[in-house]
Amino acid sequence: MGVFVFLPLVLPLTAWPVARLAEHHLHPRAATRLLTAVAAVLAVCSTLCLALLMVVGTAQLPGNPLPDTWSDPEVRAAVPCDGIAGRAAIPALLALVAVCGRVLLRHRSVRRRAARALAGLPDTPVAVLPDPEPYAYALPAARRSRGRIVVSRGMLARLGPAERRALFAHERAHLAGRHDRLLLVARLAAAAHPFLRPLRTAVTYSAERWADEEAAVRVGSRRVVARAIGRAAPASGGARPAVLPGFAVAGPVPRRVAALLAPAPPPRAWPPAGTAVGLALWGAVAGVTVSALSSANSALTLYAVLKAATPL
């Protein structure tokens, strides 16, 4: 295998061009799903690569509880600098587990706090909080509750009737598309590998654009949705939970408004393969496939070694 065993650790460098191409040339729905899938695959492959390097490179070190037979000489010969790579993989894996655990705990804590804020309110699809600070977000369904739209009185006061309909259509699109799950996958992938952070940002933006387009279809006017976002964004503060999809999140608002003032994106989910954009996207998919196959090959090789070396 040689240096190709490290390929899953390097291929996430392609995250930036993949994110840029998908944001600009794919429908937001297709871009969100594609980028989330790419982030998940690259994160799993890089994590598996680290685990294999740790096992192969450290199984025969003194004091290691793993059986010596778990580090077959032929496998170690195929990994350049196996001892150094194995030692370096240990703190990398520990940091990965700690950061991903922190992301999951924060996500769970925010959802619990958001649910507690609704305690005592009627169990309606829309929950209005008596807060003068303007914000709105989609609270996904839990085990014993359904998904709800949470909006403050301050946000409603800033919007007219048509803009309120745009807000509610936007948040319903978040709930229907389960965007909270896609955002969580993107955050975990970025926590697993720092090179995947551009994909996390791109997924956040594409999910908001997806909800914008759905709201424009339901309201029947792209300008109404753009005007609603423009009015809500300047006063939108930090009361919205950061891990939940919201209406006027900071950062991509100008780009979202500009996209809504432009013609609607084409319904084609994927550009033709004969175009430069199509070839670039197919190349990105090929890179993800190579990463997945490389990690799968390493996993199968290790499994064959373990099966031959241990009675189990």
C-alpha atoms as a PDB file:
ATOM      1  CA  MET A   1       0.000   0.000   0.000  1.00  0.00           C
ATOM      2  CA  GLY A   2       2.845   2.429   0.768  1.00  0.00           C
ATOM      3  CA  VAL A   3       1.962   6.077   1.134  1.00  0.00           C
ATOM      4  CA  PHE A   4      -1.509   5.358  -0.254  1.00  0.00           C
ATOM      5  CA  VAL A   5      -2.493   4.100   3.182  1.00  0.00           C
ATOM      6  CA  PHE A   6      -2.521   7.769   4.259  1.00  0.00           C
ATOM      7  CA  LEU A   7      -4.832   8.765   1.403  1.00  0.00           C
ATOM      8  CA  PRO A   8      -7.999   8.982   3.561  1.00  0.00           C
ATOM      9  CA  LEU A   9      -6.215  11.539   5.763  1.00  0.00           C
ATOM     10  CA  VAL A  10      -5.293  13.753   2.798  1.00  0.00           C
ATOM     11  CA  LEU A  11      -8.381  13.603   0.586  1.00  0.00           C
ATOM     12  CA  PRO A  12     -10.465  15.870   2.884  1.00  0.00           C
ATOM     13  CA  LEU A  13      -8.311  18.688   1.450  1.00  0.00           C
ATOM     14  CA  THR A  14     -10.709  18.519  -1.512  1.00  0.00           C
ATOM     15  CA  ALA A  15     -13.516  19.763   0.774  1.00  0.00           C
ATOM     16  CA  TRP A  16     -13.031  23.429  -0.146  1.00  0.00           C
ATOM     17  CA  PRO A  17     -13.394  23.123  -3.953  1.00  0.00           C
ATOM     18  CA  VAL A  18     -16.223  20.601  -3.529  1.00  0.00           C
ATOM     19  CA  ALA A  19     -18.090  23.018  -1.269  1.00  0.00           C
ATOM     20  CA  ARG A  20     -17.568  25.958  -3.642  1.00  0.00           C
ATOM     21  CA  LEU A  21     -18.737  24.006  -6.689  1.00  0.00           C
ATOM     22  CA  ALA A  22     -21.828  22.625  -4.970  1.00  0.00           C
ATOM     23  CA  GLU A  23     -22.851  25.995  -3.501  1.00  0.00           C
ATOM     24  CA  HIS A  24     -22.687  27.784  -6.835  1.00  0.00           C
ATOM     25  CA  HIS A  25     -23.835  25.167  -9.329  1.00  0.00           C
ATOM     26  CA  LEU A  26     -26.230  22.755  -7.622  1.00  0.00           C
ATOM     27  CA  HIS A  27     -29.771  23.204  -6.401  1.00  0.00           C
ATOM     28  CA  PRO A  28     -29.622  23.896  -2.630  1.00  0.00           C
ATOM     29  CA  ARG A  29     -31.469  20.660  -1.865  1.00  0.00           C
ATOM     30  CA  ALA A  30     -29.010  18.573  -3.888  1.00  0.00           C
ATOM     31  CA  ALA A  31     -26.024  20.540  -2.560  1.00  0.00           C
ATOM     32  CA  THR A  32     -27.045  20.001   1.065  1.00  0.00           C
ATOM     33  CA  ARG A  33     -27.497  16.272   0.649  1.00  0.00           C
ATOM     34  CA  LEU A  34     -24.355  15.814  -1.445  1.00  0.00           C
ATOM     35  CA  LEU A  35     -22.092  17.824   0.855  1.00  0.00           C
ATOM     36  CA  THR A  36     -23.432  16.075   3.953  1.00  0.00           C
ATOM     37  CA  ALA A  37     -22.814  12.667   2.389  1.00  0.00           C
ATOM     38  CA  VAL A  38     -19.310  13.669   1.262  1.00  0.00           C
ATOM     39  CA  ALA A  39     -18.463  15.005   4.729  1.00  0.00           C
ATOM     40  CA  ALA A  40     -19.739  11.840   6.420  1.00  0.00           C
ATOM     41  CA  VAL A  41     -17.839   9.498   4.088  1.00  0.00           C
ATOM     42  CA  LEU A  42     -14.560  11.418   4.344  1.00  0.00           C
ATOM     43  CA  ALA A  43     -14.842  11.671   8.129  1.00  0.00           C
ATOM     44  CA  VAL A  44     -15.532   7.947   8.555  1.00  0.00           C
ATOM     45  CA  CYS A  45     -12.676   7.036   6.205  1.00  0.00           C
ATOM     46  CA  SER A  46     -10.148   9.284   7.943  1.00  0.00           C
ATOM     47  CA  THR A  47     -11.197   8.013  11.382  1.00  0.00           C
ATOM     48  CA  LEU A  48     -10.916   4.410  10.250  1.00  0.00           C
ATOM     49  CA  CYS A  49      -7.493   5.161   8.807  1.00  0.00           C
ATOM     50  CA  LEU A  50      -6.314   6.569  12.141  1.00  0.00           C
ATOM     51  CA  ALA A  51      -7.623   3.525  13.987  1.00  0.00           C
ATOM     52  CA  LEU A  52      -5.850   1.126  11.634  1.00  0.00           C
ATOM     53  CA  LEU A  53      -2.596   3.060  11.878  1.00  0.00           C
ATOM     54  CA  MET A  54      -2.806   2.938  15.672  1.00  0.00           C
ATOM     55  CA  VAL A  55      -3.380  -0.831  15.727  1.00  0.00           C
ATOM     56  CA  VAL A  56      -0.732  -1.666  13.153  1.00  0.00           C
ATOM     57  CA  GLY A  57       1.866   0.742  14.513  1.00  0.00           C
ATOM     58  CA  THR A  58       1.558   0.113  18.243  1.00  0.00           C
ATOM     59  CA  ALA A  59       0.488  -3.508  18.734  1.00  0.00           C
ATOM     60  CA  GLN A  60       4.087  -4.648  19.305  1.00  0.00           C
ATOM     61  CA  LEU A  61       5.205  -1.766  21.490  1.00  0.00           C
ATOM     62  CA  PRO A  62       6.161  -2.732  25.084  1.00  0.00           C
ATOM     63  CA  GLY A  63       3.254  -2.437  27.475  1.00  0.00           C
ATOM     64  CA  ASN A  64       0.599  -2.337  24.754  1.00  0.00           C
ATOM     65  CA  PRO A  65      -2.335  -4.582  25.758  1.00  0.00           C
ATOM     66  CA  LEU A  66      -3.037  -5.573  22.138  1.00  0.00           C
ATOM     67  CA  PRO A  67      -1.769  -9.013  21.049  1.00  0.00           C
ATOM     68  CA  ASP A  68       1.513  -8.886  19.129  1.00  0.00           C
ATOM     69  CA  THR A  69      -0.080 -10.904  16.339  1.00  0.00           C
ATOM     70  CA  TRP A  70      -2.401  -7.972  15.624  1.00  0.00           C
ATOM     71  CA  SER A  71       0.550  -6.193  14.005  1.00  0.00           C
ATOM     72  CA  ASP A  72       1.596  -8.573  11.248  1.00  0.00           C
ATOM     73  CA  PRO A  73       5.104  -7.860   9.845  1.00  0.00           C
ATOM     74  CA  GLU A  74       3.797  -7.820   6.272  1.00  0.00           C
ATOM     75  CA  VAL A  75       1.188  -5.239   7.192  1.00  0.00           C
ATOM     76  CA  ARG A  76       3.712  -3.093   9.073  1.00  0.00           C
ATOM     77  CA  ALA A  77       6.056  -3.268   6.087  1.00  0.00           C
ATOM     78  CA  ALA A  78       3.308  -1.811   3.921  1.00  0.00           C
ATOM     79  CA  VAL A  79       2.873   1.228   6.210  1.00  0.00           C
ATOM     80  CA  PRO A  80       5.658   3.840   5.969  1.00  0.00           C
ATOM     81  CA  CYS A  81       7.054   4.814   9.386  1.00  0.00           C
ATOM     82  CA  ASP A  82       4.504   2.539  11.071  1.00  0.00           C
ATOM     83  CA  GLY A  83       5.838   3.169  14.572  1.00  0.00           C
ATOM     84  CA  ILE A  84       5.740   6.960  14.278  1.00  0.00           C
ATOM     85  CA  ALA A  85       2.341   6.877  12.540  1.00  0.00           C
ATOM     86  CA  GLY A  86       0.916   4.567  15.196  1.00  0.00           C
ATOM     87  CA  ARG A  87       2.102   6.766  18.075  1.00  0.00           C
ATOM     88  CA  ALA A  88       0.813   9.918  16.383  1.00  0.00           C
ATOM     89  CA  ALA A  89      -2.577   8.294  15.758  1.00  0.00           C
ATOM     90  CA  ILE A  90      -3.223   7.778  19.483  1.00  0.00           C
ATOM     91  CA  PRO A  91      -3.499  11.457  20.531  1.00  0.00           C
ATOM     92  CA  ALA A  92      -5.263  12.238  17.248  1.00  0.00           C
ATOM     93  CA  LEU A  93      -7.947   9.651  18.004  1.00  0.00           C
ATOM     94  CA  LEU A  94      -8.302  10.826  21.597  1.00  0.00           C
ATOM     95  CA  ALA A  95      -8.757  14.408  20.426  1.00  0.00           C
ATOM     96  CA  LEU A  96     -11.273  13.264  17.819  1.00  0.00           C
ATOM     97  CA  VAL A  97     -13.365  11.416  20.395  1.00  0.00           C
ATOM     98  CA  ALA A  98     -13.251  14.369  22.801  1.00  0.00           C
ATOM     99  CA  VAL A  99     -14.273  16.949  20.187  1.00  0.00           C
ATOM    100  CA  CYS A 100     -17.047  14.799  18.712  1.00  0.00           C
ATOM    101  CA  GLY A 101     -18.336  14.029  22.186  1.00  0.00           C
ATOM    102  CA  ARG A 102     -18.393  17.727  22.962  1.00  0.00           C
ATOM    103  CA  VAL A 103     -20.400  18.403  19.787  1.00  0.00           C
ATOM    104  CA  LEU A 104     -22.957  15.742  20.705  1.00  0.00           C
ATOM    105  CA  LEU A 105     -23.275  16.930  24.295  1.00  0.00           C
ATOM    106  CA  ARG A 106     -23.728  20.527  23.212  1.00  0.00           C
ATOM    107  CA  HIS A 107     -26.347  19.531  20.659  1.00  0.00           C
ATOM    108  CA  ARG A 108     -28.275  17.565  23.256  1.00  0.00           C
ATOM    109  CA  SER A 109     -27.973  20.324  25.852  1.00  0.00           C
ATOM    110  CA  VAL A 110     -29.215  23.020  23.463  1.00  0.00           C
ATOM    111  CA  ARG A 111     -32.220  20.950  22.425  1.00  0.00           C
ATOM    112  CA  ARG A 112     -33.108  20.323  26.065  1.00  0.00           C
ATOM    113  CA  ARG A 113     -32.846  24.006  26.945  1.00  0.00           C
ATOM    114  CA  ALA A 114     -34.964  24.924  23.937  1.00  0.00           C
ATOM    115  CA  ALA A 115     -37.592  22.371  24.962  1.00  0.00           C
ATOM    116  CA  ARG A 116     -37.622  23.635  28.555  1.00  0.00           C
ATOM    117  CA  ALA A 117     -38.179  27.172  27.305  1.00  0.00           C
ATOM    118  CA  LEU A 118     -41.486  25.984  25.857  1.00  0.00           C
ATOM    119  CA  ALA A 119     -42.699  24.434  29.096  1.00  0.00           C
ATOM    120  CA  GLY A 120     -46.151  25.690  30.008  1.00  0.00           C
ATOM    121  CA  LEU A 121     -46.982  26.905  26.505  1.00  0.00           C
ATOM    122  CA  PRO A 122     -49.818  25.312  24.506  1.00  0.00           C
ATOM    123  CA  ASP A 123     -48.763  22.317  22.421  1.00  0.00           C
ATOM    124  CA  THR A 124     -49.235  24.026  19.061  1.00  0.00           C
ATOM    125  CA  PRO A 125     -47.116  23.819  15.880  1.00  0.00           C
ATOM    126  CA  VAL A 126     -45.971  27.413  16.457  1.00  0.00           C
ATOM    127  CA  ALA A 127     -44.707  28.564  19.855  1.00  0.00           C
ATOM    128  CA  VAL A 128     -44.503  32.326  20.429  1.00  0.00           C
ATOM    129  CA  LEU A 129     -42.160  33.390  23.219  1.00  0.00           C
ATOM    130  CA  PRO A 130     -42.690  36.793  24.929  1.00  0.00           C
ATOM    131  CA  ASP A 131     -39.173  37.931  24.134  1.00  0.00           C
ATOM    132  CA  PRO A 132     -38.489  41.377  22.619  1.00  0.00           C
ATOM    133  CA  GLU A 133     -35.299  40.102  20.973  1.00  0.00           C
ATOM    134  CA  PRO A 134     -36.067  38.922  17.411  1.00  0.00           C
ATOM    135  CA  TYR A 135     -35.272  35.301  16.575  1.00  0.00           C
ATOM    136  CA  ALA A 136     -36.917  32.248  15.069  1.00  0.00           C
ATOM    137  CA  TYR A 137     -35.812  28.635  14.748  1.00  0.00           C
ATOM    138  CA  ALA A 138     -37.117  25.131  14.097  1.00  0.00           C
ATOM    139  CA  LEU A 139     -37.148  22.775  17.092  1.00  0.00           C
ATOM    140  CA  PRO A 140     -37.144  19.182  15.743  1.00  0.00           C
ATOM    141  CA  ALA A 141     -39.395  16.479  17.084  1.00  0.00           C
ATOM    142  CA  ALA A 142     -38.285  14.581  20.164  1.00  0.00           C
ATOM    143  CA  ARG A 143     -39.460  11.205  21.451  1.00  0.00           C
ATOM    144  CA  ARG A 144     -42.627  12.504  23.059  1.00  0.00           C
ATOM    145  CA  SER A 145     -43.159  15.712  21.151  1.00  0.00           C
ATOM    146  CA  ARG A 146     -43.527  16.900  17.596  1.00  0.00           C
ATOM    147  CA  GLY A 147     -41.469  19.410  15.732  1.00  0.00           C
ATOM    148  CA  ARG A 148     -42.352  23.024  16.459  1.00  0.00           C
ATOM    149  CA  ILE A 149     -41.546  26.473  15.152  1.00  0.00           C
ATOM    150  CA  VAL A 150     -40.283  28.806  17.875  1.00  0.00           C
ATOM    151  CA  VAL A 151     -40.548  32.536  17.243  1.00  0.00           C
ATOM    152  CA  SER A 152     -40.265  35.561  19.499  1.00  0.00           C
ATOM    153  CA  ARG A 153     -42.690  38.466  19.655  1.00  0.00           C
ATOM    154  CA  GLY A 154     -39.813  40.719  18.711  1.00  0.00           C
ATOM    155  CA  MET A 155     -39.397  38.865  15.422  1.00  0.00           C
ATOM    156  CA  LEU A 156     -43.114  38.938  14.630  1.00  0.00           C
ATOM    157  CA  ALA A 157     -43.210  42.669  15.335  1.00  0.00           C
ATOM    158  CA  ARG A 158     -40.601  43.312  12.646  1.00  0.00           C
ATOM    159  CA  LEU A 159     -42.442  41.437   9.884  1.00  0.00           C
ATOM    160  CA  GLY A 160     -45.634  42.083   7.961  1.00  0.00           C
ATOM    161  CA  PRO A 161     -48.295  39.430   7.274  1.00  0.00           C
ATOM    162  CA  ALA A 162     -46.709  38.187   4.015  1.00  0.00           C
ATOM    163  CA  GLU A 163     -43.245  38.116   5.577  1.00  0.00           C
ATOM    164  CA  ARG A 164     -44.554  36.150   8.531  1.00  0.00           C
ATOM    165  CA  ARG A 165     -45.902  33.552   6.115  1.00  0.00           C
ATOM    166  CA  ALA A 166     -42.450  33.394   4.559  1.00  0.00           C
ATOM    167  CA  LEU A 167     -40.876  32.877   7.986  1.00  0.00           C
ATOM    168  CA  PHE A 168     -43.232  30.033   8.891  1.00  0.00           C
ATOM    169  CA  ALA A 169     -42.784  28.398   5.465  1.00  0.00           C
ATOM    170  CA  HIS A 170     -39.007  28.604   5.904  1.00  0.00           C
ATOM    171  CA  GLU A 171     -39.077  26.936   9.305  1.00  0.00           C
ATOM    172  CA  ARG A 172     -41.535  24.255   8.123  1.00  0.00           C
ATOM    173  CA  ALA A 173     -39.083  23.411   5.372  1.00  0.00           C
ATOM    174  CA  HIS A 174     -36.365  22.928   8.009  1.00  0.00           C
ATOM    175  CA  LEU A 175     -38.611  20.548   9.940  1.00  0.00           C
ATOM    176  CA  ALA A 176     -39.774  18.621   6.875  1.00  0.00           C
ATOM    177  CA  GLY A 177     -36.234  18.188   5.551  1.00  0.00           C
ATOM    178  CA  ARG A 178     -34.824  17.209   8.969  1.00  0.00           C
ATOM    179  CA  HIS A 179     -32.086  19.752   8.446  1.00  0.00           C
ATOM    180  CA  ASP A 180     -31.040  19.461  12.076  1.00  0.00           C
ATOM    181  CA  ARG A 181     -29.738  15.955  11.375  1.00  0.00           C
ATOM    182  CA  LEU A 182     -27.798  17.074   8.309  1.00  0.00           C
ATOM    183  CA  LEU A 183     -26.251  19.945  10.249  1.00  0.00           C
ATOM    184  CA  LEU A 184     -25.276  17.617  13.086  1.00  0.00           C
ATOM    185  CA  VAL A 185     -23.574  15.201  10.657  1.00  0.00           C
ATOM    186  CA  ALA A 186     -21.647  18.095   9.112  1.00  0.00           C
ATOM    187  CA  ARG A 187     -20.546  19.343  12.546  1.00  0.00           C
ATOM    188  CA  LEU A 188     -19.389  15.877  13.595  1.00  0.00           C
ATOM    189  CA  ALA A 189     -17.464  15.478  10.341  1.00  0.00           C
ATOM    190  CA  ALA A 190     -15.746  18.838  10.868  1.00  0.00           C
ATOM    191  CA  ALA A 191     -14.891  17.764  14.414  1.00  0.00           C
ATOM    192  CA  ALA A 192     -13.425  14.490  13.126  1.00  0.00           C
ATOM    193  CA  HIS A 193     -11.185  16.190  10.555  1.00  0.00           C
ATOM    194  CA  PRO A 194     -10.355  19.934  10.470  1.00  0.00           C
ATOM    195  CA  PHE A 195     -10.079  19.876   6.659  1.00  0.00           C
ATOM    196  CA  LEU A 196     -13.837  19.249   6.515  1.00  0.00           C
ATOM    197  CA  ARG A 197     -14.774  22.571   8.122  1.00  0.00           C
ATOM    198  CA  PRO A 198     -15.500  24.169   4.716  1.00  0.00           C
ATOM    199  CA  LEU A 199     -18.120  21.475   4.174  1.00  0.00           C
ATOM    200  CA  ARG A 200     -19.738  22.308   7.522  1.00  0.00           C
ATOM    201  CA  THR A 201     -20.048  25.960   6.516  1.00  0.00           C
ATOM    202  CA  ALA A 202     -21.340  24.998   3.078  1.00  0.00           C
ATOM    203  CA  VAL A 203     -23.959  22.621   4.503  1.00  0.00           C
ATOM    204  CA  THR A 204     -25.211  25.354   6.860  1.00  0.00           C
ATOM    205  CA  TYR A 205     -25.564  27.806   3.989  1.00  0.00           C
ATOM    206  CA  SER A 206     -27.122  25.278   1.581  1.00  0.00           C
ATOM    207  CA  ALA A 207     -29.675  24.162   4.170  1.00  0.00           C
ATOM    208  CA  GLU A 208     -30.791  27.754   4.663  1.00  0.00           C
ATOM    209  CA  ARG A 209     -30.965  28.249   0.902  1.00  0.00           C
ATOM    210  CA  TRP A 210     -33.008  25.046   0.598  1.00  0.00           C
ATOM    211  CA  ALA A 211     -35.511  26.382   3.127  1.00  0.00           C
ATOM    212  CA  ASP A 212     -35.522  29.769   1.367  1.00  0.00           C
ATOM    213  CA  GLU A 213     -36.441  28.158  -1.957  1.00  0.00           C
ATOM    214  CA  GLU A 214     -39.179  26.060  -0.354  1.00  0.00           C
ATOM    215  CA  ALA A 215     -40.583  29.174   1.326  1.00  0.00           C
ATOM    216  CA  ALA A 216     -40.513  31.098  -1.971  1.00  0.00           C
ATOM    217  CA  VAL A 217     -42.540  28.350  -3.643  1.00  0.00           C
ATOM    218  CA  ARG A 218     -45.106  28.259  -0.844  1.00  0.00           C
ATOM    219  CA  VAL A 219     -45.452  32.032  -0.576  1.00  0.00           C
ATOM    220  CA  GLY A 220     -45.342  32.526  -4.319  1.00  0.00           C
ATOM    221  CA  SER A 221     -42.851  35.393  -4.242  1.00  0.00           C
ATOM    222  CA  ARG A 222     -39.086  35.271  -3.993  1.00  0.00           C
ATOM    223  CA  ARG A 223     -38.969  38.996  -3.185  1.00  0.00           C
ATOM    224  CA  VAL A 224     -41.209  38.566  -0.139  1.00  0.00           C
ATOM    225  CA  VAL A 225     -38.857  35.942   1.292  1.00  0.00           C
ATOM    226  CA  ALA A 226     -35.819  38.104   0.518  1.00  0.00           C
ATOM    227  CA  ARG A 227     -37.471  41.123   2.154  1.00  0.00           C
ATOM    228  CA  ALA A 228     -38.360  39.093   5.237  1.00  0.00           C
ATOM    229  CA  ILE A 229     -34.784  37.860   5.634  1.00  0.00           C
ATOM    230  CA  GLY A 230     -33.441  41.365   5.093  1.00  0.00           C
ATOM    231  CA  ARG A 231     -35.697  42.837   7.778  1.00  0.00           C
ATOM    232  CA  ALA A 232     -35.088  40.079  10.293  1.00  0.00           C
ATOM    233  CA  ALA A 233     -31.328  39.756   9.932  1.00  0.00           C
ATOM    234  CA  PRO A 234     -30.099  43.194  11.142  1.00  0.00           C
ATOM    235  CA  ALA A 235     -31.754  42.798  14.555  1.00  0.00           C
ATOM    236  CA  SER A 236     -31.362  39.049  14.945  1.00  0.00           C
ATOM    237  CA  GLY A 237     -29.187  38.484  18.003  1.00  0.00           C
ATOM    238  CA  GLY A 238     -27.697  35.489  19.727  1.00  0.00           C
ATOM    239  CA  ALA A 239     -30.854  34.128  21.328  1.00  0.00           C
ATOM    240  CA  ARG A 240     -31.317  31.534  18.594  1.00  0.00           C
ATOM    241  CA  PRO A 241     -29.696  28.198  19.541  1.00  0.00           C
ATOM    242  CA  ALA A 242     -26.612  27.876  17.369  1.00  0.00           C
ATOM    243  CA  VAL A 243     -27.119  24.181  16.589  1.00  0.00           C
ATOM    244  CA  LEU A 244     -30.699  24.585  15.322  1.00  0.00           C
ATOM    245  CA  PRO A 245     -31.637  25.856  11.842  1.00  0.00           C
ATOM    246  CA  GLY A 246     -33.023  29.375  11.990  1.00  0.00           C
ATOM    247  CA  PHE A 247     -34.524  32.067   9.808  1.00  0.00           C
ATOM    248  CA  ALA A 248     -31.986  34.899   9.897  1.00  0.00           C
ATOM    249  CA  VAL A 249     -28.633  33.413  10.834  1.00  0.00           C
ATOM    250  CA  ALA A 250     -25.622  35.689  10.704  1.00  0.00           C
ATOM    251  CA  GLY A 251     -23.066  35.334   7.931  1.00  0.00           C
ATOM    252  CA  PRO A 252     -24.728  34.124   4.711  1.00  0.00           C
ATOM    253  CA  VAL A 253     -27.720  36.506   4.848  1.00  0.00           C
ATOM    254  CA  PRO A 254     -26.510  38.865   2.067  1.00  0.00           C
ATOM    255  CA  ARG A 255     -25.802  35.916  -0.204  1.00  0.00           C
ATOM    256  CA  ARG A 256     -29.208  34.415   0.527  1.00  0.00           C
ATOM    257  CA  VAL A 257     -30.973  37.677  -0.268  1.00  0.00           C
ATOM    258  CA  ALA A 258     -28.993  38.051  -3.502  1.00  0.00           C
ATOM    259  CA  ALA A 259     -29.857  34.475  -4.504  1.00  0.00           C
ATOM    260  CA  LEU A 260     -33.556  35.102  -3.876  1.00  0.00           C
ATOM    261  CA  LEU A 261     -33.483  38.266  -5.979  1.00  0.00           C
ATOM    262  CA  ALA A 262     -31.937  36.264  -8.825  1.00  0.00           C
ATOM    263  CA  PRO A 263     -33.879  33.740 -10.940  1.00  0.00           C
ATOM    264  CA  ALA A 264     -34.829  30.464  -9.286  1.00  0.00           C
ATOM    265  CA  PRO A 265     -32.147  27.746  -9.512  1.00  0.00           C
ATOM    266  CA  PRO A 266     -32.756  25.108 -12.188  1.00  0.00           C
ATOM    267  CA  PRO A 267     -34.490  21.960 -10.958  1.00  0.00           C
ATOM    268  CA  ARG A 268     -31.718  19.800 -12.435  1.00  0.00           C
ATOM    269  CA  ALA A 269     -30.047  18.103  -9.480  1.00  0.00           C
ATOM    270  CA  TRP A 270     -26.735  17.521 -11.282  1.00  0.00           C
ATOM    271  CA  PRO A 271     -25.057  19.478 -14.087  1.00  0.00           C
ATOM    272  CA  PRO A 272     -24.327  17.649 -17.369  1.00  0.00           C
ATOM    273  CA  ALA A 273     -21.163  15.579 -17.294  1.00  0.00           C
ATOM    274  CA  GLY A 274     -19.880  17.297 -20.439  1.00  0.00           C
ATOM    275  CA  THR A 275     -19.549  20.686 -18.711  1.00  0.00           C
ATOM    276  CA  ALA A 276     -16.590  21.857 -16.654  1.00  0.00           C
ATOM    277  CA  VAL A 277     -18.726  21.980 -13.515  1.00  0.00           C
ATOM    278  CA  GLY A 278     -20.075  18.489 -14.121  1.00  0.00           C
ATOM    279  CA  LEU A 279     -16.563  17.086 -14.643  1.00  0.00           C
ATOM    280  CA  ALA A 280     -15.335  18.802 -11.478  1.00  0.00           C
ATOM    281  CA  LEU A 281     -18.185  17.405  -9.406  1.00  0.00           C
ATOM    282  CA  TRP A 282     -17.688  13.928 -10.828  1.00  0.00           C
ATOM    283  CA  GLY A 283     -13.999  14.246  -9.977  1.00  0.00           C
ATOM    284  CA  ALA A 284     -14.905  15.129  -6.401  1.00  0.00           C
ATOM    285  CA  VAL A 285     -17.189  12.106  -6.173  1.00  0.00           C
ATOM    286  CA  ALA A 286     -14.388   9.949  -7.582  1.00  0.00           C
ATOM    287  CA  GLY A 287     -12.046  11.249  -4.885  1.00  0.00           C
ATOM    288  CA  VAL A 288     -14.524  10.366  -2.152  1.00  0.00           C
ATOM    289  CA  THR A 289     -14.939   6.907  -3.690  1.00  0.00           C
ATOM    290  CA  VAL A 290     -11.174   6.385  -3.738  1.00  0.00           C
ATOM    291  CA  SER A 291     -10.960   7.393  -0.088  1.00  0.00           C
ATOM    292  CA  ALA A 292     -13.748   5.002   0.874  1.00  0.00           C
ATOM    293  CA  LEU A 293     -12.217   2.136  -1.118  1.00  0.00           C
ATOM    294  CA  SER A 294      -8.786   2.799   0.379  1.00  0.00           C
ATOM    295  CA  SER A 295     -10.140   2.657   3.903  1.00  0.00           C
ATOM    296  CA  ALA A 296     -12.217  -0.418   3.095  1.00  0.00           C
ATOM    297  CA  ASN A 297      -9.134  -2.150   1.684  1.00  0.00           C
ATOM    298  CA  SER A 298      -7.155  -1.344   4.823  1.00  0.00           C
ATOM    299  CA  ALA A 299      -9.999  -2.592   7.015  1.00  0.00           C
ATOM    300  CA  LEU A 300     -10.295  -5.849   5.085  1.00  0.00           C
ATOM    301  CA  THR A 301      -6.538  -6.357   5.247  1.00  0.00           C
ATOM    302  CA  LEU A 302      -6.520  -5.885   9.012  1.00  0.00           C
ATOM    303  CA  TYR A 303      -9.536  -8.178   9.391  1.00  0.00           C
ATOM    304  CA  ALA A 304      -7.773 -10.916   7.407  1.00  0.00           C
ATOM    305  CA  VAL A 305      -4.679 -10.549   9.604  1.00  0.00           C
ATOM    306  CA  LEU A 306      -6.712 -10.684  12.807  1.00  0.00           C
ATOM    307  CA  LYS A 307      -8.681 -13.698  11.620  1.00  0.00           C
ATOM    308  CA  ALA A 308      -5.519 -15.608  10.742  1.00  0.00           C
ATOM    309  CA  ALA A 309      -3.606 -14.567  13.862  1.00  0.00           C
ATOM    310  CA  THR A 310      -6.233 -15.114  16.551  1.00  0.00           C
ATOM    311  CA  PRO A 311      -8.407 -18.150  17.379  1.00  0.00           C
ATOM    312  CA  LEU A 312     -11.511 -15.913  17.384  1.00  0.00           C
END
